[in-house]
Amino acid sequence: MTLTKWRSETGLIKSARKLHKDKTFQLMLEVLRNELPTNRNLPAIGVDSGYPYAYAYGAEVGYRQCIAVLEAMTAEDQVAQEEPVASFAGDDKPDNQ
């Protein structure tokens, strides 16, 4: 299931909101935030050709994405407004012509 599919079903959103208000779940999110790799010492840049640093950065991005998705599961999908389509048909003439 994708986030878009999840957010299209109001029953799942209501369940997620209820879970999100639960004290145990809130503590679990707090632990997740506290375990972000940037809350620990990162490896020095340049050690082992930079791979440990790149790995740590990737883990950080993954943690942050996980938190963002969990938060997004409690919100309804934002319906994008339809973008206007440009028309260059030439039907409209300026007032001074």
PDB file of N, CA and C in Angstrom:
ATOM      1  N   MET A   1       0.842  -1.174   0.000  1.00  0.00           N
ATOM      2  CA  MET A   1       0.000   0.000   0.000  1.00  0.00           C
ATOM      3  C   MET A   1       0.889   1.239   0.000  1.00  0.00           C
ATOM      4  N   THR A   2       0.455   2.256  -0.699  1.00  0.00           N
ATOM      5  CA  THR A   2       1.201   3.510  -0.754  1.00  0.00           C
ATOM      6  C   THR A   2       0.564   4.531   0.185  1.00  0.00           C
ATOM      7  N   LEU A   3       1.306   5.600   0.462  1.00  0.00           N
ATOM      8  CA  LEU A   3       0.782   6.667   1.312  1.00  0.00           C
ATOM      9  C   LEU A   3      -0.446   7.310   0.673  1.00  0.00           C
ATOM     10  N   THR A   4      -0.423   7.487  -0.633  1.00  0.00           N
ATOM     11  CA  THR A   4      -1.562   8.082  -1.336  1.00  0.00           C
ATOM     12  C   THR A   4      -2.807   7.219  -1.174  1.00  0.00           C
ATOM     13  N   LYS A   5      -2.653   5.908  -1.326  1.00  0.00           N
ATOM     14  CA  LYS A   5      -3.782   4.983  -1.159  1.00  0.00           C
ATOM     15  C   LYS A   5      -4.291   5.031   0.280  1.00  0.00           C
ATOM     16  N   TRP A   6      -3.366   5.031   1.248  1.00  0.00           N
ATOM     17  CA  TRP A   6      -3.731   5.100   2.668  1.00  0.00           C
ATOM     18  C   TRP A   6      -4.560   6.348   2.935  1.00  0.00           C
ATOM     19  N   ARG A   7      -4.075   7.480   2.428  1.00  0.00           N
ATOM     20  CA  ARG A   7      -4.720   8.753   2.718  1.00  0.00           C
ATOM     21  C   ARG A   7      -6.026   8.943   1.964  1.00  0.00           C
ATOM     22  N   SER A   8      -6.348   8.069   1.042  1.00  0.00           N
ATOM     23  CA  SER A   8      -7.616   8.156   0.326  1.00  0.00           C
ATOM     24  C   SER A   8      -8.737   7.439   1.077  1.00  0.00           C
ATOM     25  N   GLU A   9      -8.395   6.721   2.138  1.00  0.00           N
ATOM     26  CA  GLU A   9      -9.393   5.977   2.901  1.00  0.00           C
ATOM     27  C   GLU A   9      -9.550   6.608   4.284  1.00  0.00           C
ATOM     28  N   THR A  10     -10.705   7.228   4.512  1.00  0.00           N
ATOM     29  CA  THR A  10     -10.921   7.988   5.747  1.00  0.00           C
ATOM     30  C   THR A  10     -10.872   7.104   6.995  1.00  0.00           C
ATOM     31  N   GLY A  11     -11.294   5.858   6.887  1.00  0.00           N
ATOM     32  CA  GLY A  11     -11.252   4.960   8.045  1.00  0.00           C
ATOM     33  C   GLY A  11      -9.831   4.724   8.529  1.00  0.00           C
ATOM     34  N   LEU A  12      -8.910   4.576   7.600  1.00  0.00           N
ATOM     35  CA  LEU A  12      -7.503   4.382   7.978  1.00  0.00           C
ATOM     36  C   LEU A  12      -6.924   5.641   8.600  1.00  0.00           C
ATOM     37  N   ILE A  13      -7.305   6.797   8.081  1.00  0.00           N
ATOM     38  CA  ILE A  13      -6.814   8.052   8.648  1.00  0.00           C
ATOM     39  C   ILE A  13      -7.310   8.211  10.077  1.00  0.00           C
ATOM     40  N   LYS A  14      -8.583   7.908  10.316  1.00  0.00           N
ATOM     41  CA  LYS A  14      -9.137   8.008  11.669  1.00  0.00           C
ATOM     42  C   LYS A  14      -8.416   7.069  12.625  1.00  0.00           C
ATOM     43  N   SER A  15      -8.139   5.853  12.171  1.00  0.00           N
ATOM     44  CA  SER A  15      -7.412   4.898  13.007  1.00  0.00           C
ATOM     45  C   SER A  15      -6.002   5.395  13.308  1.00  0.00           C
ATOM     46  N   ALA A  16      -5.347   5.971  12.302  1.00  0.00           N
ATOM     47  CA  ALA A  16      -3.997   6.487  12.491  1.00  0.00           C
ATOM     48  C   ALA A  16      -3.999   7.652  13.472  1.00  0.00           C
ATOM     49  N   ARG A  17      -4.995   8.517  13.379  1.00  0.00           N
ATOM     50  CA  ARG A  17      -5.091   9.646  14.314  1.00  0.00           C
ATOM     51  C   ARG A  17      -5.271   9.148  15.739  1.00  0.00           C
ATOM     52  N   LYS A  18      -6.118   8.133  15.896  1.00  0.00           N
ATOM     53  CA  LYS A  18      -6.348   7.566  17.228  1.00  0.00           C
ATOM     54  C   LYS A  18      -5.048   6.973  17.773  1.00  0.00           C
ATOM     55  N   LEU A  19      -4.340   6.227  16.944  1.00  0.00           N
ATOM     56  CA  LEU A  19      -3.071   5.639  17.362  1.00  0.00           C
ATOM     57  C   LEU A  19      -2.043   6.721  17.666  1.00  0.00           C
ATOM     58  N   HIS A  20      -2.027   7.757  16.857  1.00  0.00           N
ATOM     59  CA  HIS A  20      -1.053   8.845  17.031  1.00  0.00           C
ATOM     60  C   HIS A  20      -1.233   9.557  18.367  1.00  0.00           C
ATOM     61  N   LYS A  21      -2.461   9.571  18.900  1.00  0.00           N
ATOM     62  CA  LYS A  21      -2.734  10.211  20.193  1.00  0.00           C
ATOM     63  C   LYS A  21      -2.375   9.307  21.369  1.00  0.00           C
ATOM     64  N   ASP A  22      -2.148   8.029  21.111  1.00  0.00           N
ATOM     65  CA  ASP A  22      -1.826   7.064  22.163  1.00  0.00           C
ATOM     66  C   ASP A  22      -0.466   7.400  22.793  1.00  0.00           C
ATOM     67  N   LYS A  23      -0.403   7.379  24.136  1.00  0.00           N
ATOM     68  CA  LYS A  23       0.834   7.747  24.840  1.00  0.00           C
ATOM     69  C   LYS A  23       1.989   6.817  24.492  1.00  0.00           C
ATOM     70  N   THR A  24       1.720   5.538  24.361  1.00  0.00           N
ATOM     71  CA  THR A  24       2.784   4.587  24.026  1.00  0.00           C
ATOM     72  C   THR A  24       3.346   4.887  22.643  1.00  0.00           C
ATOM     73  N   PHE A  25       2.470   5.156  21.695  1.00  0.00           N
ATOM     74  CA  PHE A  25       2.929   5.469  20.347  1.00  0.00           C
ATOM     75  C   PHE A  25       3.721   6.770  20.346  1.00  0.00           C
ATOM     76  N   GLN A  26       3.280   7.760  21.119  1.00  0.00           N
ATOM     77  CA  GLN A  26       4.016   9.019  21.216  1.00  0.00           C
ATOM     78  C   GLN A  26       5.420   8.783  21.771  1.00  0.00           C
ATOM     79  N   LEU A  27       5.532   7.907  22.759  1.00  0.00           N
ATOM     80  CA  LEU A  27       6.852   7.572  23.296  1.00  0.00           C
ATOM     81  C   LEU A  27       7.701   6.847  22.260  1.00  0.00           C
ATOM     82  N   MET A  28       7.079   5.990  21.465  1.00  0.00           N
ATOM     83  CA  MET A  28       7.809   5.291  20.407  1.00  0.00           C
ATOM     84  C   MET A  28       8.364   6.292  19.387  1.00  0.00           C
ATOM     85  N   LEU A  29       7.553   7.293  19.016  1.00  0.00           N
ATOM     86  CA  LEU A  29       8.029   8.326  18.097  1.00  0.00           C
ATOM     87  C   LEU A  29       9.163   9.135  18.715  1.00  0.00           C
ATOM     88  N   GLU A  30       9.058   9.399  20.014  1.00  0.00           N
ATOM     89  CA  GLU A  30      10.124  10.131  20.697  1.00  0.00           C
ATOM     90  C   GLU A  30      11.432   9.347  20.671  1.00  0.00           C
ATOM     91  N   VAL A  31      11.343   8.041  20.901  1.00  0.00           N
ATOM     92  CA  VAL A  31      12.537   7.197  20.824  1.00  0.00           C
ATOM     93  C   VAL A  31      13.114   7.243  19.416  1.00  0.00           C
ATOM     94  N   LEU A  32      12.254   7.156  18.411  1.00  0.00           N
ATOM     95  CA  LEU A  32      12.716   7.214  17.024  1.00  0.00           C
ATOM     96  C   LEU A  32      13.433   8.530  16.747  1.00  0.00           C
ATOM     97  N   ARG A  33      12.859   9.627  17.205  1.00  0.00           N
ATOM     98  CA  ARG A  33      13.513  10.931  17.008  1.00  0.00           C
ATOM     99  C   ARG A  33      14.844  11.013  17.758  1.00  0.00           C
ATOM    100  N   ASN A  34      14.885  10.441  18.964  1.00  0.00           N
ATOM    101  CA  ASN A  34      16.121  10.470  19.759  1.00  0.00           C
ATOM    102  C   ASN A  34      17.207   9.569  19.184  1.00  0.00           C
ATOM    103  N   GLU A  35      16.813   8.590  18.386  1.00  0.00           N
ATOM    104  CA  GLU A  35      17.775   7.667  17.792  1.00  0.00           C
ATOM    105  C   GLU A  35      18.258   8.116  16.412  1.00  0.00           C
ATOM    106  N   LEU A  36      17.882   9.320  15.994  1.00  0.00           N
ATOM    107  CA  LEU A  36      18.395   9.836  14.723  1.00  0.00           C
ATOM    108  C   LEU A  36      19.916   9.742  14.723  1.00  0.00           C
ATOM    109  N   PRO A  37      20.504   9.315  13.639  1.00  0.00           N
ATOM    110  CA  PRO A  37      21.966   9.198  13.597  1.00  0.00           C
ATOM    111  C   PRO A  37      22.700  10.496  13.925  1.00  0.00           C
ATOM    112  N   THR A  38      22.108  11.650  13.630  1.00  0.00           N
ATOM    113  CA  THR A  38      22.792  12.909  13.942  1.00  0.00           C
ATOM    114  C   THR A  38      22.792  13.214  15.430  1.00  0.00           C
ATOM    115  N   ASN A  39      22.066  12.452  16.210  1.00  0.00           N
ATOM    116  CA  ASN A  39      22.117  12.612  17.661  1.00  0.00           C
ATOM    117  C   ASN A  39      23.291  11.844  18.264  1.00  0.00           C
ATOM    118  N   ARG A  40      24.028  11.150  17.418  1.00  0.00           N
ATOM    119  CA  ARG A  40      25.243  10.440  17.842  1.00  0.00           C
ATOM    120  C   ARG A  40      26.417  11.045  17.095  1.00  0.00           C
ATOM    121  N   ASN A  41      27.593  10.677  17.466  1.00  0.00           N
ATOM    122  CA  ASN A  41      28.779  11.159  16.771  1.00  0.00           C
ATOM    123  C   ASN A  41      28.842  10.533  15.384  1.00  0.00           C
ATOM    124  N   LEU A  42      28.931  11.396  14.379  1.00  0.00           N
ATOM    125  CA  LEU A  42      29.094  10.906  13.019  1.00  0.00           C
ATOM    126  C   LEU A  42      30.555  10.552  12.783  1.00  0.00           C
ATOM    127  N   PRO A  43      30.827   9.625  11.889  1.00  0.00           N
ATOM    128  CA  PRO A  43      32.227   9.333  11.571  1.00  0.00           C
ATOM    129  C   PRO A  43      32.888  10.553  10.944  1.00  0.00           C
ATOM    130  N   ALA A  44      34.169  10.665  11.124  1.00  0.00           N
ATOM    131  CA  ALA A  44      34.903  11.793  10.557  1.00  0.00           C
ATOM    132  C   ALA A  44      34.855  11.737   9.038  1.00  0.00           C
ATOM    133  N   ILE A  45      34.716  12.898   8.424  1.00  0.00           N
ATOM    134  CA  ILE A  45      34.682  12.965   6.962  1.00  0.00           C
ATOM    135  C   ILE A  45      36.058  12.569   6.434  1.00  0.00           C
ATOM    136  N   GLY A  46      36.064  11.752   5.412  1.00  0.00           N
ATOM    137  CA  GLY A  46      37.318  11.340   4.805  1.00  0.00           C
ATOM    138  C   GLY A  46      37.835  10.009   5.317  1.00  0.00           C
ATOM    139  N   VAL A  47      37.276   9.495   6.383  1.00  0.00           N
ATOM    140  CA  VAL A  47      37.702   8.201   6.895  1.00  0.00           C
ATOM    141  C   VAL A  47      37.164   7.117   5.969  1.00  0.00           C
ATOM    142  N   ASP A  48      38.001   6.199   5.577  1.00  0.00           N
ATOM    143  CA  ASP A  48      37.603   5.098   4.682  1.00  0.00           C
ATOM    144  C   ASP A  48      36.928   5.615   3.413  1.00  0.00           C
ATOM    145  N   SER A  49      37.498   6.604   2.796  1.00  0.00           N
ATOM    146  CA  SER A  49      37.017   7.163   1.529  1.00  0.00           C
ATOM    147  C   SER A  49      35.612   7.752   1.623  1.00  0.00           C
ATOM    148  N   GLY A  50      35.163   8.102   2.808  1.00  0.00           N
ATOM    149  CA  GLY A  50      33.873   8.762   2.954  1.00  0.00           C
ATOM    150  C   GLY A  50      32.674   7.841   3.035  1.00  0.00           C
ATOM    151  N   TYR A  51      32.845   6.550   2.905  1.00  0.00           N
ATOM    152  CA  TYR A  51      31.691   5.657   2.927  1.00  0.00           C
ATOM    153  C   TYR A  51      30.964   5.639   4.266  1.00  0.00           C
ATOM    154  N   PRO A  52      31.654   5.611   5.417  1.00  0.00           N
ATOM    155  CA  PRO A  52      30.899   5.634   6.676  1.00  0.00           C
ATOM    156  C   PRO A  52      30.056   6.907   6.820  1.00  0.00           C
ATOM    157  N   TYR A  53      30.601   8.040   6.373  1.00  0.00           N
ATOM    158  CA  TYR A  53      29.846   9.284   6.458  1.00  0.00           C
ATOM    159  C   TYR A  53      28.630   9.234   5.532  1.00  0.00           C
ATOM    160  N   ALA A  54      28.821   8.746   4.320  1.00  0.00           N
ATOM    161  CA  ALA A  54      27.709   8.634   3.376  1.00  0.00           C
ATOM    162  C   ALA A  54      26.643   7.673   3.905  1.00  0.00           C
ATOM    163  N   TYR A  55      27.065   6.590   4.520  1.00  0.00           N
ATOM    164  CA  TYR A  55      26.124   5.636   5.102  1.00  0.00           C
ATOM    165  C   TYR A  55      25.327   6.294   6.228  1.00  0.00           C
ATOM    166  N   ALA A  56      26.029   7.036   7.093  1.00  0.00           N
ATOM    167  CA  ALA A  56      25.363   7.709   8.206  1.00  0.00           C
ATOM    168  C   ALA A  56      24.361   8.739   7.685  1.00  0.00           C
ATOM    169  N   TYR A  57      24.736   9.458   6.638  1.00  0.00           N
ATOM    170  CA  TYR A  57      23.823  10.436   6.055  1.00  0.00           C
ATOM    171  C   TYR A  57      22.586   9.732   5.488  1.00  0.00           C
ATOM    172  N   GLY A  58      22.795   8.619   4.807  1.00  0.00           N
ATOM    173  CA  GLY A  58      21.667   7.862   4.264  1.00  0.00           C
ATOM    174  C   GLY A  58      20.746   7.351   5.360  1.00  0.00           C
ATOM    175  N   ALA A  59      21.318   6.902   6.464  1.00  0.00           N
ATOM    176  CA  ALA A  59      20.504   6.445   7.593  1.00  0.00           C
ATOM    177  C   ALA A  59      19.696   7.605   8.166  1.00  0.00           C
ATOM    178  N   GLU A  60      20.303   8.784   8.252  1.00  0.00           N
ATOM    179  CA  GLU A  60      19.604   9.981   8.746  1.00  0.00           C
ATOM    180  C   GLU A  60      18.407  10.311   7.862  1.00  0.00           C
ATOM    181  N   VAL A  61      18.614  10.294   6.563  1.00  0.00           N
ATOM    182  CA  VAL A  61      17.530  10.590   5.630  1.00  0.00           C
ATOM    183  C   VAL A  61      16.415   9.553   5.792  1.00  0.00           C
ATOM    184  N   GLY A  62      16.780   8.303   5.954  1.00  0.00           N
ATOM    185  CA  GLY A  62      15.786   7.245   6.136  1.00  0.00           C
ATOM    186  C   GLY A  62      14.967   7.424   7.409  1.00  0.00           C
ATOM    187  N   TYR A  63      15.616   7.762   8.507  1.00  0.00           N
ATOM    188  CA  TYR A  63      14.919   8.014   9.765  1.00  0.00           C
ATOM    189  C   TYR A  63      13.922   9.158   9.599  1.00  0.00           C
ATOM    190  N   ARG A  64      14.395  10.256   9.004  1.00  0.00           N
ATOM    191  CA  ARG A  64      13.533  11.429   8.842  1.00  0.00           C
ATOM    192  C   ARG A  64      12.345  11.127   7.918  1.00  0.00           C
ATOM    193  N   GLN A  65      12.578  10.347   6.879  1.00  0.00           N
ATOM    194  CA  GLN A  65      11.494   9.971   5.967  1.00  0.00           C
ATOM    195  C   GLN A  65      10.480   9.089   6.679  1.00  0.00           C
ATOM    196  N   CYS A  66      10.954   8.189   7.509  1.00  0.00           N
ATOM    197  CA  CYS A  66      10.059   7.313   8.273  1.00  0.00           C
ATOM    198  C   CYS A  66       9.149   8.138   9.178  1.00  0.00           C
ATOM    199  N   ILE A  67       9.718   9.090   9.893  1.00  0.00           N
ATOM    200  CA  ILE A  67       8.934   9.948  10.778  1.00  0.00           C
ATOM    201  C   ILE A  67       7.929  10.757   9.967  1.00  0.00           C
ATOM    202  N   ALA A  68       8.355  11.292   8.837  1.00  0.00           N
ATOM    203  CA  ALA A  68       7.465  12.100   7.998  1.00  0.00           C
ATOM    204  C   ALA A  68       6.289  11.281   7.476  1.00  0.00           C
ATOM    205  N   VAL A  69       6.537  10.038   7.079  1.00  0.00           N
ATOM    206  CA  VAL A  69       5.462   9.187   6.565  1.00  0.00           C
ATOM    207  C   VAL A  69       4.491   8.835   7.687  1.00  0.00           C
ATOM    208  N   LEU A  70       5.008   8.516   8.871  1.00  0.00           N
ATOM    209  CA  LEU A  70       4.122   8.213   9.997  1.00  0.00           C
ATOM    210  C   LEU A  70       3.240   9.403  10.337  1.00  0.00           C
ATOM    211  N   GLU A  71       3.792  10.595  10.297  1.00  0.00           N
ATOM    212  CA  GLU A  71       3.011  11.801  10.554  1.00  0.00           C
ATOM    213  C   GLU A  71       1.990  12.029   9.435  1.00  0.00           C
ATOM    214  N   ALA A  72       2.388  11.801   8.201  1.00  0.00           N
ATOM    215  CA  ALA A  72       1.509  12.042   7.053  1.00  0.00           C
ATOM    216  C   ALA A  72       0.332  11.073   7.021  1.00  0.00           C
ATOM    217  N   MET A  73       0.467   9.926   7.647  1.00  0.00           N
ATOM    218  CA  MET A  73      -0.612   8.939   7.638  1.00  0.00           C
ATOM    219  C   MET A  73      -1.813   9.402   8.458  1.00  0.00           C
ATOM    220  N   THR A  74      -1.639  10.445   9.261  1.00  0.00           N
ATOM    221  CA  THR A  74      -2.746  10.951  10.070  1.00  0.00           C
ATOM    222  C   THR A  74      -3.488  12.098   9.393  1.00  0.00           C
ATOM    223  N   ALA A  75      -3.030  12.512   8.225  1.00  0.00           N
ATOM    224  CA  ALA A  75      -3.634  13.662   7.542  1.00  0.00           C
ATOM    225  C   ALA A  75      -4.280  13.225   6.237  1.00  0.00           C
ATOM    226  N   GLU A  76      -5.369  13.913   5.909  1.00  0.00           N
ATOM    227  CA  GLU A  76      -6.033  13.629   4.635  1.00  0.00           C
ATOM    228  C   GLU A  76      -5.159  14.135   3.500  1.00  0.00           C
ATOM    229  N   ASP A  77      -5.286  13.487   2.361  1.00  0.00           N
ATOM    230  CA  ASP A  77      -4.513  13.872   1.182  1.00  0.00           C
ATOM    231  C   ASP A  77      -4.952  15.246   0.719  1.00  0.00           C
ATOM    232  N   GLN A  78      -3.986  16.089   0.451  1.00  0.00           N
ATOM    233  CA  GLN A  78      -4.283  17.422  -0.064  1.00  0.00           C
ATOM    234  C   GLN A  78      -4.620  17.295  -1.544  1.00  0.00           C
ATOM    235  N   VAL A  79      -5.783  17.767  -1.921  1.00  0.00           N
ATOM    236  CA  VAL A  79      -6.187  17.710  -3.321  1.00  0.00           C
ATOM    237  C   VAL A  79      -5.563  18.909  -4.025  1.00  0.00           C
ATOM    238  N   ALA A  80      -4.754  18.609  -5.009  1.00  0.00           N
ATOM    239  CA  ALA A  80      -4.097  19.678  -5.747  1.00  0.00           C
ATOM    240  C   ALA A  80      -5.113  20.378  -6.635  1.00  0.00           C
ATOM    241  N   GLN A  81      -5.016  21.703  -6.675  1.00  0.00           N
ATOM    242  CA  GLN A  81      -5.897  22.438  -7.557  1.00  0.00           C
ATOM    243  C   GLN A  81      -5.453  22.202  -8.997  1.00  0.00           C
ATOM    244  N   GLU A  82      -6.428  22.166  -9.864  1.00  0.00           N
ATOM    245  CA  GLU A  82      -6.122  21.917 -11.265  1.00  0.00           C
ATOM    246  C   GLU A  82      -5.356  23.103 -11.839  1.00  0.00           C
ATOM    247  N   GLU A  83      -4.259  22.807 -12.489  1.00  0.00           N
ATOM    248  CA  GLU A  83      -3.432  23.854 -13.074  1.00  0.00           C
ATOM    249  C   GLU A  83      -4.098  24.375 -14.338  1.00  0.00           C
ATOM    250  N   PRO A  84      -4.115  25.691 -14.516  1.00  0.00           N
ATOM    251  CA  PRO A  84      -4.718  26.213 -15.743  1.00  0.00           C
ATOM    252  C   PRO A  84      -3.889  25.822 -16.967  1.00  0.00           C
ATOM    253  N   VAL A  85      -4.581  25.555 -18.038  1.00  0.00           N
ATOM    254  CA  VAL A  85      -3.912  25.167 -19.272  1.00  0.00           C
ATOM    255  C   VAL A  85      -3.724  26.419 -20.119  1.00  0.00           C
ATOM    256  N   ALA A  86      -2.511  26.658 -20.552  1.00  0.00           N
ATOM    257  CA  ALA A  86      -2.227  27.823 -21.383  1.00  0.00           C
ATOM    258  C   ALA A  86      -2.846  27.648 -22.753  1.00  0.00           C
ATOM    259  N   SER A  87      -3.435  28.707 -23.235  1.00  0.00           N
ATOM    260  CA  SER A  87      -4.021  28.682 -24.562  1.00  0.00           C
ATOM    261  C   SER A  87      -3.467  29.864 -25.344  1.00  0.00           C
ATOM    262  N   PHE A  88      -2.877  29.588 -26.463  1.00  0.00           N
ATOM    263  CA  PHE A  88      -2.295  30.620 -27.302  1.00  0.00           C
ATOM    264  C   PHE A  88      -3.067  30.700 -28.625  1.00  0.00           C
ATOM    265  N   ALA A  89      -4.357  30.546 -28.545  1.00  0.00           N
ATOM    266  CA  ALA A  89      -5.189  30.495 -29.738  1.00  0.00           C
ATOM    267  C   ALA A  89      -5.287  31.836 -30.449  1.00  0.00           C
ATOM    268  N   GLY A  90      -5.083  32.930 -29.741  1.00  0.00           N
ATOM    269  CA  GLY A  90      -5.151  34.243 -30.360  1.00  0.00           C
ATOM    270  C   GLY A  90      -6.556  34.795 -30.439  1.00  0.00           C
ATOM    271  N   ASP A  91      -7.520  34.210 -29.725  1.00  0.00           N
ATOM    272  CA  ASP A  91      -8.894  34.693 -29.739  1.00  0.00           C
ATOM    273  C   ASP A  91      -9.034  36.027 -29.012  1.00  0.00           C
ATOM    274  N   ASP A  92      -8.215  36.242 -27.989  1.00  0.00           N
ATOM    275  CA  ASP A  92      -8.321  37.470 -27.202  1.00  0.00           C
ATOM    276  C   ASP A  92      -7.409  38.533 -27.797  1.00  0.00           C
ATOM    277  N   LYS A  93      -7.947  39.724 -27.995  1.00  0.00           N
ATOM    278  CA  LYS A  93      -7.162  40.835 -28.525  1.00  0.00           C
ATOM    279  C   LYS A  93      -7.071  41.900 -27.452  1.00  0.00           C
ATOM    280  N   PRO A  94      -5.924  42.556 -27.329  1.00  0.00           N
ATOM    281  CA  PRO A  94      -5.820  43.641 -26.346  1.00  0.00           C
ATOM    282  C   PRO A  94      -6.810  44.758 -26.663  1.00  0.00           C
ATOM    283  N   ASP A  95      -7.176  45.529 -25.637  1.00  0.00           N
ATOM    284  CA  ASP A  95      -8.161  46.594 -25.791  1.00  0.00           C
ATOM    285  C   ASP A  95      -7.723  47.696 -26.747  1.00  0.00           C
ATOM    286  N   ASN A  96      -6.410  47.917 -26.902  1.00  0.00           N
ATOM    287  CA  ASN A  96      -5.931  49.026 -27.724  1.00  0.00           C
ATOM    288  C   ASN A  96      -5.848  48.666 -29.218  1.00  0.00           C
ATOM    289  N   GLN A  97      -6.306  47.519 -29.626  1.00  0.00           N
ATOM    290  CA  GLN A  97      -6.253  47.159 -31.051  1.00  0.00           C
ATOM    291  C   GLN A  97      -7.604  47.085 -31.664  1.00  0.00           C
TER     292      GLN A  97
END
